C-alpha atoms as a PDB file:
ATOM      1  CA  MET A   1     -29.454  17.614  -4.071  1.00  0.00           C
ATOM      2  CA  LEU A   2     -26.311  16.922  -6.125  1.00  0.00           C
ATOM      3  CA  PRO A   3     -26.514  14.114  -8.708  1.00  0.00           C
ATOM      4  CA  TYR A   4     -23.652  12.283  -6.990  1.00  0.00           C
ATOM      5  CA  THR A   5     -24.874  12.617  -3.378  1.00  0.00           C
ATOM      6  CA  GLY A   6     -25.579   8.875  -3.110  1.00  0.00           C
ATOM      7  CA  LEU A   7     -22.144   8.083  -4.469  1.00  0.00           C
ATOM      8  CA  PHE A   8     -20.537  10.484  -1.969  1.00  0.00           C
ATOM      9  CA  ILE A   9     -22.313   8.734   0.917  1.00  0.00           C
ATOM     10  CA  LYS A  10     -21.257   5.329  -0.446  1.00  0.00           C
ATOM     11  CA  LEU A  11     -17.620   6.479  -0.620  1.00  0.00           C
ATOM     12  CA  LEU A  12     -17.803   7.721   2.976  1.00  0.00           C
ATOM     13  CA  LYS A  13     -18.772   4.196   4.006  1.00  0.00           C
ATOM     14  CA  GLY A  14     -15.949   2.504   2.077  1.00  0.00           C
ATOM     15  CA  PRO A  15     -14.380   1.783  -1.301  1.00  0.00           C
ATOM     16  CA  VAL A  16     -16.349   1.538  -4.543  1.00  0.00           C
ATOM     17  CA  GLU A  17     -15.295  -1.165  -7.005  1.00  0.00           C
ATOM     18  CA  TYR A  18     -15.741  -1.540 -10.757  1.00  0.00           C
ATOM     19  CA  PHE A  19     -18.235  -4.380 -10.554  1.00  0.00           C
ATOM     20  CA  GLU A  20     -20.674  -2.123  -8.692  1.00  0.00           C
ATOM     21  CA  LYS A  21     -21.789  -1.053 -12.168  1.00  0.00           C
ATOM     22  CA  GLY A  22     -24.131   1.830 -11.345  1.00  0.00           C
ATOM     23  CA  ALA A  23     -21.881   3.438  -8.749  1.00  0.00           C
ATOM     24  CA  TRP A  24     -18.748   2.903 -10.876  1.00  0.00           C
ATOM     25  CA  GLU A  25     -20.308   4.492 -13.968  1.00  0.00           C
ATOM     26  CA  GLN A  26     -21.555   7.403 -11.879  1.00  0.00           C
ATOM     27  CA  LEU A  27     -18.075   7.801 -10.409  1.00  0.00           C
ATOM     28  CA  LEU A  28     -16.491   7.967 -13.850  1.00  0.00           C
ATOM     29  CA  ASN A  29     -19.188  10.363 -15.160  1.00  0.00           C
ATOM     30  CA  TYR A  30     -18.957  12.786 -12.231  1.00  0.00           C
ATOM     31  CA  GLN A  31     -15.272  12.385 -11.384  1.00  0.00           C
ATOM     32  CA  GLY A  32     -14.398  16.057 -11.993  1.00  0.00           C
ATOM     33  CA  GLU A  33     -17.370  17.542 -10.153  1.00  0.00           C
ATOM     34  CA  LEU A  34     -17.024  15.042  -7.303  1.00  0.00           C
ATOM     35  CA  THR A  35     -13.297  15.785  -6.930  1.00  0.00           C
ATOM     36  CA  THR A  36     -13.993  19.535  -6.693  1.00  0.00           C
ATOM     37  CA  PHE A  37     -16.800  18.976  -4.166  1.00  0.00           C
ATOM     38  CA  LEU A  38     -14.632  16.666  -2.041  1.00  0.00           C
ATOM     39  CA  GLN A  39     -11.716  19.121  -1.975  1.00  0.00           C
ATOM     40  CA  GLN A  40     -14.012  21.720  -0.401  1.00  0.00           C
ATOM     41  CA  LEU A  41     -14.643  19.209   2.394  1.00  0.00           C
ATOM     42  CA  GLY A  42     -10.967  18.345   2.892  1.00  0.00           C
ATOM     43  CA  LEU A  43     -11.233  14.984   1.117  1.00  0.00           C
ATOM     44  CA  ILE A  44      -9.337  13.464  -1.793  1.00  0.00           C
ATOM     45  CA  LEU A  45     -10.788  10.982  -4.252  1.00  0.00           C
ATOM     46  CA  VAL A  46      -8.290   8.190  -4.921  1.00  0.00           C
ATOM     47  CA  LEU A  47      -9.312   6.472  -8.150  1.00  0.00           C
ATOM     48  CA  ASP A  48      -7.486   3.541  -9.715  1.00  0.00           C
ATOM     49  CA  LYS A  49      -9.233   2.855 -13.019  1.00  0.00           C
ATOM     50  CA  GLU A  50      -6.882   0.035 -13.999  1.00  0.00           C
ATOM     51  CA  ASP A  51      -7.550  -2.013 -10.862  1.00  0.00           C
ATOM     52  CA  GLY A  52     -11.110  -0.762 -10.577  1.00  0.00           C
ATOM     53  CA  TYR A  53     -11.451   0.800  -7.151  1.00  0.00           C
ATOM     54  CA  ALA A  54     -11.920   4.214  -5.579  1.00  0.00           C
ATOM     55  CA  TYR A  55     -11.865   5.455  -2.004  1.00  0.00           C
ATOM     56  CA  LEU A  56     -11.580   8.659  -0.010  1.00  0.00           C
ATOM     57  CA  GLU A  57      -8.575   9.999   1.853  1.00  0.00           C
ATOM     58  CA  GLN A  58      -8.478  12.972   4.162  1.00  0.00           C
ATOM     59  CA  MET A  59      -6.355  15.996   3.299  1.00  0.00           C
ATOM     60  CA  LYS A  60      -3.739  16.957   5.835  1.00  0.00           C
ATOM     61  CA  LEU A  61      -4.866  20.270   7.307  1.00  0.00           C
ATOM     62  CA  ASP A  62      -1.570  21.287   8.909  1.00  0.00           C
ATOM     63  CA  GLU A  63       2.027  20.251   9.647  1.00  0.00           C
ATOM     64  CA  GLU A  64       0.878  17.977  12.485  1.00  0.00           C
ATOM     65  CA  GLU A  65      -1.122  16.075   9.870  1.00  0.00           C
ATOM     66  CA  SER A  66      -4.444  16.637  11.577  1.00  0.00           C
ATOM     67  CA  THR A  67      -7.499  15.983   9.445  1.00  0.00           C
ATOM     68  CA  ALA A  68     -11.168  16.910   9.359  1.00  0.00           C
ATOM     69  CA  GLY A  69     -12.223  13.482  10.640  1.00  0.00           C
ATOM     70  CA  TRP A  70     -14.550  12.456   7.805  1.00  0.00           C
ATOM     71  CA  VAL A  71     -13.080   9.028   7.221  1.00  0.00           C
ATOM     72  CA  ARG A  72     -13.042   6.484  10.027  1.00  0.00           C
ATOM     73  CA  ARG A  73      -9.588   5.273  11.023  1.00  0.00           C
ATOM     74  CA  THR A  74      -9.198   1.748  12.251  1.00  0.00           C
ATOM     75  CA  SER A  75      -6.235   0.496  14.221  1.00  0.00           C
ATOM     76  CA  ILE A  76      -4.878  -2.934  13.485  1.00  0.00           C
ATOM     77  CA  ASN A  77      -2.552  -5.066  15.565  1.00  0.00           C
ATOM     78  CA  TYR A  78       0.707  -6.684  14.491  1.00  0.00           C
ATOM     79  CA  GLU A  79      -0.792 -10.057  13.511  1.00  0.00           C
ATOM     80  CA  GLU A  80      -3.505  -8.346  11.452  1.00  0.00           C
ATOM     81  CA  SER A  81      -0.816  -6.264   9.730  1.00  0.00           C
ATOM     82  CA  VAL A  82       1.181  -9.380   8.906  1.00  0.00           C
ATOM     83  CA  LEU A  83      -1.882 -11.061   7.392  1.00  0.00           C
ATOM     84  CA  LEU A  84      -2.621  -7.975   5.269  1.00  0.00           C
ATOM     85  CA  VAL A  85       0.961  -7.984   3.985  1.00  0.00           C
ATOM     86  CA  LEU A  86       0.619 -11.692   3.186  1.00  0.00           C
ATOM     87  CA  LEU A  87      -2.640 -11.068   1.315  1.00  0.00           C
ATOM     88  CA  ARG A  88      -0.882  -8.296  -0.602  1.00  0.00           C
ATOM     89  CA  ASP A  89       1.936 -10.689  -1.405  1.00  0.00           C
ATOM     90  CA  MET A  90      -0.610 -13.203  -2.723  1.00  0.00           C
ATOM     91  CA  MET A  91      -1.993 -10.406  -4.919  1.00  0.00           C
ATOM     92  CA  ALA A  92       1.488  -9.559  -6.232  1.00  0.00           C
ATOM     93  CA  GLU A  93       2.176 -13.214  -7.094  1.00  0.00           C
ATOM     94  CA  PHE A  94      -1.234 -13.470  -8.770  1.00  0.00           C
ATOM     95  CA  GLU A  95      -0.617 -10.407 -10.935  1.00  0.00           C
ATOM     96  CA  VAL A  96       2.833 -11.586 -12.028  1.00  0.00           C
ATOM     97  CA  GLY A  97       1.528 -15.014 -13.050  1.00  0.00           C
ATOM     98  CA  GLU A  98      -0.519 -15.787 -16.130  1.00  0.00           C
ATOM     99  CA  VAL A  99      -3.776 -14.188 -15.124  1.00  0.00           C
ATOM    100  CA  THR A 100      -6.903 -15.626 -16.681  1.00  0.00           C
ATOM    101  CA  SER A 101      -9.176 -13.772 -14.267  1.00  0.00           C
ATOM    102  CA  ARG A 102      -9.239 -10.164 -13.120  1.00  0.00           C
ATOM    103  CA  GLU A 103      -9.993 -11.170  -9.531  1.00  0.00           C
ATOM    104  CA  LEU A 104      -7.949 -13.197  -7.052  1.00  0.00           C
ATOM    105  CA  ILE A 105     -10.174 -15.810  -5.421  1.00  0.00           C
ATOM    106  CA  ARG A 106      -8.874 -18.045  -2.635  1.00  0.00           C
ATOM    107  CA  LYS A 107     -10.461 -20.508  -0.235  1.00  0.00           C
ATOM    108  CA  ARG A 108     -10.102 -19.911   3.493  1.00  0.00           C
ATOM    109  CA  ARG A 109      -7.965 -23.064   3.613  1.00  0.00           C
ATOM    110  CA  GLU A 110      -5.562 -21.661   0.996  1.00  0.00           C
ATOM    111  CA  ILE A 111      -5.175 -18.368   2.879  1.00  0.00           C
ATOM    112  CA  LYS A 112      -4.465 -20.252   6.110  1.00  0.00           C
ATOM    113  CA  GLU A 113      -1.919 -22.533   4.406  1.00  0.00           C
ATOM    114  CA  TYR A 114      -0.105 -19.484   3.030  1.00  0.00           C
ATOM    115  CA  ALA A 115      -0.218 -17.653   6.375  1.00  0.00           C
ATOM    116  CA  GLU A 116       0.964 -20.672   8.398  1.00  0.00           C
ATOM    117  CA  LEU A 117       4.440 -20.261   6.959  1.00  0.00           C
ATOM    118  CA  PHE A 118       4.795 -16.834   8.589  1.00  0.00           C
ATOM    119  CA  PHE A 119       3.069 -17.256  11.943  1.00  0.00           C
ATOM    120  CA  ARG A 120       4.628 -19.193  14.760  1.00  0.00           C
ATOM    121  CA  GLU A 121       2.422 -22.091  15.730  1.00  0.00           C
ATOM    122  CA  ASN A 122       1.697 -22.215  19.445  1.00  0.00           C
ATOM    123  CA  ALA A 123       1.508 -25.408  21.499  1.00  0.00           C
ATOM    124  CA  SER A 124      -2.094 -26.082  20.503  1.00  0.00           C
ATOM    125  CA  ARG A 125      -2.702 -26.654  16.779  1.00  0.00           C
ATOM    126  CA  VAL A 126      -6.451 -26.126  17.267  1.00  0.00           C
ATOM    127  CA  LYS A 127      -5.895 -22.770  18.990  1.00  0.00           C
ATOM    128  CA  PHE A 128      -3.436 -21.734  16.270  1.00  0.00           C
ATOM    129  CA  ILE A 129      -5.949 -22.494  13.492  1.00  0.00           C
ATOM    130  CA  LYS A 130      -8.680 -20.594  15.377  1.00  0.00           C
ATOM    131  CA  GLU A 131      -6.351 -17.585  15.614  1.00  0.00           C
ATOM    132  CA  LEU A 132      -5.749 -17.705  11.850  1.00  0.00           C
ATOM    133  CA  ASP A 133      -9.528 -17.901  11.289  1.00  0.00           C
ATOM    134  CA  LYS A 134     -10.010 -14.813  13.477  1.00  0.00           C
ATOM    135  CA  LEU A 135      -7.376 -12.926  11.459  1.00  0.00           C
ATOM    136  CA  ILE A 136      -9.116 -13.860   8.203  1.00  0.00           C
ATOM    137  CA  ASP A 137     -12.468 -12.738   9.636  1.00  0.00           C
ATOM    138  CA  ARG A 138     -10.859  -9.453  10.721  1.00  0.00           C
ATOM    139  CA  ALA A 139      -9.434  -8.900   7.207  1.00  0.00           C
ATOM    140  CA  GLU A 140     -12.962  -9.420   5.881  1.00  0.00           C
ATOM    141  CA  GLU A 141     -14.352  -6.964   8.456  1.00  0.00           C
ATOM    142  CA  LEU A 142     -11.715  -4.390   7.427  1.00  0.00           C
ATOM    143  CA  GLY A 143     -12.808  -4.749   3.796  1.00  0.00           C
ATOM    144  CA  PHE A 144      -9.730  -6.445   2.333  1.00  0.00           C
ATOM    145  CA  LEU A 145     -11.473  -9.782   1.819  1.00  0.00           C
ATOM    146  CA  HIS A 146     -14.934 -10.230   0.356  1.00  0.00           C
ATOM    147  CA  ARG A 147     -16.676 -13.543   0.987  1.00  0.00           C
ATOM    148  CA  ILE A 148     -18.099 -14.636  -2.334  1.00  0.00           C
ATOM    149  CA  GLU A 149     -19.209 -18.102  -1.396  1.00  0.00           C
ATOM    150  CA  ASP A 150     -20.334 -19.637   1.857  1.00  0.00           C
ATOM    151  CA  HIS A 151     -19.747 -23.333   2.266  1.00  0.00           C
ATOM    152  CA  GLU A 152     -20.902 -25.823   4.874  1.00  0.00           C
ATOM    153  CA  ILE A 153     -17.208 -26.589   5.436  1.00  0.00           C
ATOM    154  CA  PRO A 154     -15.737 -23.257   6.628  1.00  0.00           C
ATOM    155  CA  ASP A 155     -12.295 -23.960   5.097  1.00  0.00           C
ATOM    156  CA  GLU A 156     -13.952 -24.208   1.663  1.00  0.00           C
ATOM    157  CA  GLN A 157     -15.445 -20.680   1.860  1.00  0.00           C
ATOM    158  CA  LYS A 158     -14.215 -18.575  -1.038  1.00  0.00           C
ATOM    159  CA  PHE A 159     -12.938 -15.020  -0.675  1.00  0.00           C
ATOM    160  CA  ARG A 160     -12.028 -12.397  -3.210  1.00  0.00           C
ATOM    161  CA  ILE A 161      -8.912 -10.520  -2.160  1.00  0.00           C
ATOM    162  CA  ARG A 162      -9.929  -6.945  -2.898  1.00  0.00           C
ATOM    163  CA  LYS A 163      -7.527  -4.860  -4.982  1.00  0.00           C
ATOM    164  CA  ILE A 164      -7.907  -1.985  -2.521  1.00  0.00           C
ATOM    165  CA  ILE A 165      -5.223  -3.814  -0.528  1.00  0.00           C
ATOM    166  CA  LYS A 166      -2.709  -2.529  -3.092  1.00  0.00           C
ATOM    167  CA  ALA A 167      -3.439   1.038  -2.005  1.00  0.00           C
ATOM    168  CA  LYS A 168      -3.128   0.264   1.693  1.00  0.00           C
ATOM    169  CA  VAL A 169      -0.116  -2.068   1.493  1.00  0.00           C
ATOM    170  CA  ASP A 170       2.085  -0.690  -1.271  1.00  0.00           C
ATOM    171  CA  ASN A 171       5.148  -2.267  -2.888  1.00  0.00           C
ATOM    172  CA  GLU A 172       7.516  -0.490  -0.502  1.00  0.00           C
ATOM    173  CA  VAL A 173       5.784  -1.960   2.565  1.00  0.00           C
ATOM    174  CA  LEU A 174       5.782  -5.363   0.886  1.00  0.00           C
ATOM    175  CA  GLU A 175       9.518  -5.219   0.088  1.00  0.00           C
ATOM    176  CA  ASN A 176      10.403  -4.009   3.614  1.00  0.00           C
ATOM    177  CA  PHE A 177       8.446  -6.921   5.069  1.00  0.00           C
ATOM    178  CA  LYS A 178      10.236  -9.427   2.823  1.00  0.00           C
ATOM    179  CA  GLN A 179      13.633  -7.988   3.820  1.00  0.00           C
ATOM    180  CA  GLN A 180      12.718  -8.282   7.504  1.00  0.00           C
ATOM    181  CA  LEU A 181      11.669 -11.905   6.970  1.00  0.00           C
ATOM    182  CA  GLN A 182      14.957 -12.699   5.209  1.00  0.00           C
ATOM    183  CA  ALA A 183      16.967 -11.026   7.990  1.00  0.00           C
ATOM    184  CA  HIS A 184      14.963 -12.904  10.628  1.00  0.00           C
ATOM    185  CA  ALA A 185      15.516 -16.209   8.795  1.00  0.00           C
ATOM    186  CA  ALA A 186      19.259 -15.497   8.498  1.00  0.00           C
ATOM    187  CA  ASN A 187      19.453 -14.714  12.234  1.00  0.00           C
ATOM    188  CA  GLY A 188      17.586 -17.911  13.030  1.00  0.00           C
ATOM    189  CA  ILE A 189      20.045 -19.957  10.982  1.00  0.00           C
ATOM    190  CA  GLN A 190      23.071 -18.262  12.579  1.00  0.00           C
ATOM    191  CA  HIS A 191      21.821 -18.704  16.147  1.00  0.00           C
ATOM    192  CA  GLY A 192      20.060 -22.044  15.659  1.00  0.00           C
END
């Protein structure tokens, strides 16, 4: 068995982050050997040492961009995509500000307050809030949020916004989204 077999299996299941000390150290120690091994399987190790995360991507096998199928693909709907872009925007604002912590921690309530500005509220406020809660739960399920503290009051639950979101929602996607929002707002003002 290879010395990094456990790490390989862990990477197949999802990202590895710097605070997973044993796995992170092993990743840094065996980076070269692991990269070579993964290439033979049609996989690429994406490692961001500065932000402290690593994950696997599949190599494109041909012009039609078919892959070997090692890494599970998950489809997300429009509302989920919007929330991920908003979480990425929160990360960008956090990193530009005076950062005293390496990790961005937000309460469920704070995420919902930020997201409310971008989602149209339906007739029922209660239903709208439940929909936002479902989107936050889905972002956690997808691995972009990590619940770090449960609380008897759900809105006080704390989440760490995982830096892996920067790899999945890059600056270009973020800027395109902001331009679309500005255009939509301008249209609303002209027609309203």
